[in-house]
Each structure stands twice: as C-alpha cells, then as structure tokens.
Amino acid sequence: MALTTIEQASGQWTVVNTDQITYIREDTYGTAIHFSSGEHIICSLELNDLLSRLAPASPEMMLTRPS
C-alpha cells in the first residue's frame, strides 16, 4: 500500500492510497482522481504536477497522459 497526501481544491488535505486509483483526468473544476470505489476527489495540483507527485509513491504504475 502506497500512501501520499494530496491537497484538494477545497484546501483540505487528504491521504490517498495510490493502489486504489483507477484513473486521473482534468475535469471542469480541476484535476480529478477517481478511485476503484467509484468516489473521486478534485485536487488543487495541475495534472503534470500530480503525476510527478504520485510517481515516486507508485513506481510500478505507468502514469501517462491520454492523447
């Protein structure tokens, strides 16, 4: 289990289990992290900043930007 902290768009900090991330995409309100549970959060980081923050926590996960 790999955990990291992410600041949500609301200004609150949350602990994210990177093993539970299904996908990440840019949404109307910011960068959205979607989880296998069906829930999602909107974070304050830009997509590239978020991916670079998550990469050290999940080196086995290939983080790519859709074309």
Protein backbone atom coordinates (compact mmCIF):
# COMPACT_ATOMS: atom_id res chain seq x y z
CA MET A 1 0.00 0.00 0.00
CA ALA A 2 1.45 3.33 -1.07
CA LEU A 3 0.06 6.43 0.63
CA THR A 4 0.59 10.08 -0.24
CA THR A 5 -1.05 13.35 0.80
CA ILE A 6 -2.89 15.48 -1.75
CA GLU A 7 -4.40 18.95 -1.32
CA GLN A 8 -7.99 19.07 -2.50
CA ALA A 9 -9.39 22.06 -4.39
CA SER A 10 -11.31 22.95 -1.20
CA GLY A 11 -8.00 23.47 0.61
CA GLN A 12 -8.29 20.33 2.74
CA TRP A 13 -5.52 17.72 2.76
CA THR A 14 -6.36 14.06 2.28
CA VAL A 15 -4.38 10.83 2.38
CA VAL A 16 -4.60 8.91 -0.90
CA ASN A 17 -3.92 5.20 -1.29
CA THR A 18 -2.35 5.14 -4.76
CA ASP A 19 -3.17 1.44 -5.15
CA GLN A 20 -6.86 2.38 -5.31
CA ILE A 21 -6.55 5.00 -8.09
CA THR A 22 -8.45 3.92 -11.21
CA TYR A 23 -7.73 6.94 -13.40
CA ILE A 24 -6.85 10.63 -13.31
CA ARG A 25 -8.19 13.28 -15.64
CA GLU A 26 -8.54 17.01 -15.97
CA ASP A 27 -12.08 17.99 -15.07
CA THR A 28 -14.06 21.22 -15.25
CA TYR A 29 -13.15 22.08 -11.65
CA GLY A 30 -9.55 20.81 -11.62
CA THR A 31 -7.63 17.55 -11.75
CA ALA A 32 -9.88 14.66 -10.68
CA ILE A 33 -8.59 11.45 -9.09
CA HIS A 34 -11.06 8.58 -9.50
CA PHE A 35 -10.87 5.53 -7.22
CA SER A 36 -11.94 1.91 -7.63
CA SER A 37 -14.70 2.54 -5.05
CA GLY A 38 -16.40 4.91 -7.51
CA GLU A 39 -15.58 8.01 -5.48
CA HIS A 40 -13.39 10.86 -6.68
CA ILE A 41 -11.69 13.98 -5.38
CA ILE A 42 -10.74 17.21 -7.12
CA CYS A 43 -7.21 18.29 -6.26
CA SER A 44 -5.52 21.67 -6.50
CA LEU A 45 -2.50 20.42 -8.47
CA GLU A 46 -2.18 20.59 -12.24
CA LEU A 47 -2.16 17.20 -13.97
CA ASN A 48 1.60 17.09 -14.61
CA ASP A 49 2.40 18.15 -11.03
CA LEU A 50 0.06 15.49 -9.66
CA LEU A 51 1.57 12.77 -11.85
CA SER A 52 5.11 13.67 -10.75
CA ARG A 53 3.97 13.61 -7.11
CA LEU A 54 2.34 10.18 -7.49
CA ALA A 55 5.18 8.57 -9.49
CA PRO A 56 7.56 8.10 -6.52
CA ALA A 57 4.72 6.55 -4.47
CA SER A 58 3.83 4.07 -7.22
CA PRO A 59 6.90 3.36 -9.35
CA GLU A 60 5.23 0.26 -10.82
CA MET A 61 2.31 2.33 -12.08
CA MET A 62 2.75 3.78 -15.54
CA LEU A 63 1.36 7.30 -15.38
CA THR A 64 0.62 8.58 -18.86
CA ARG A 65 -1.33 11.43 -20.32
CA PRO A 66 -4.04 10.35 -22.79
CA SER A 67 -3.58 11.62 -26.32
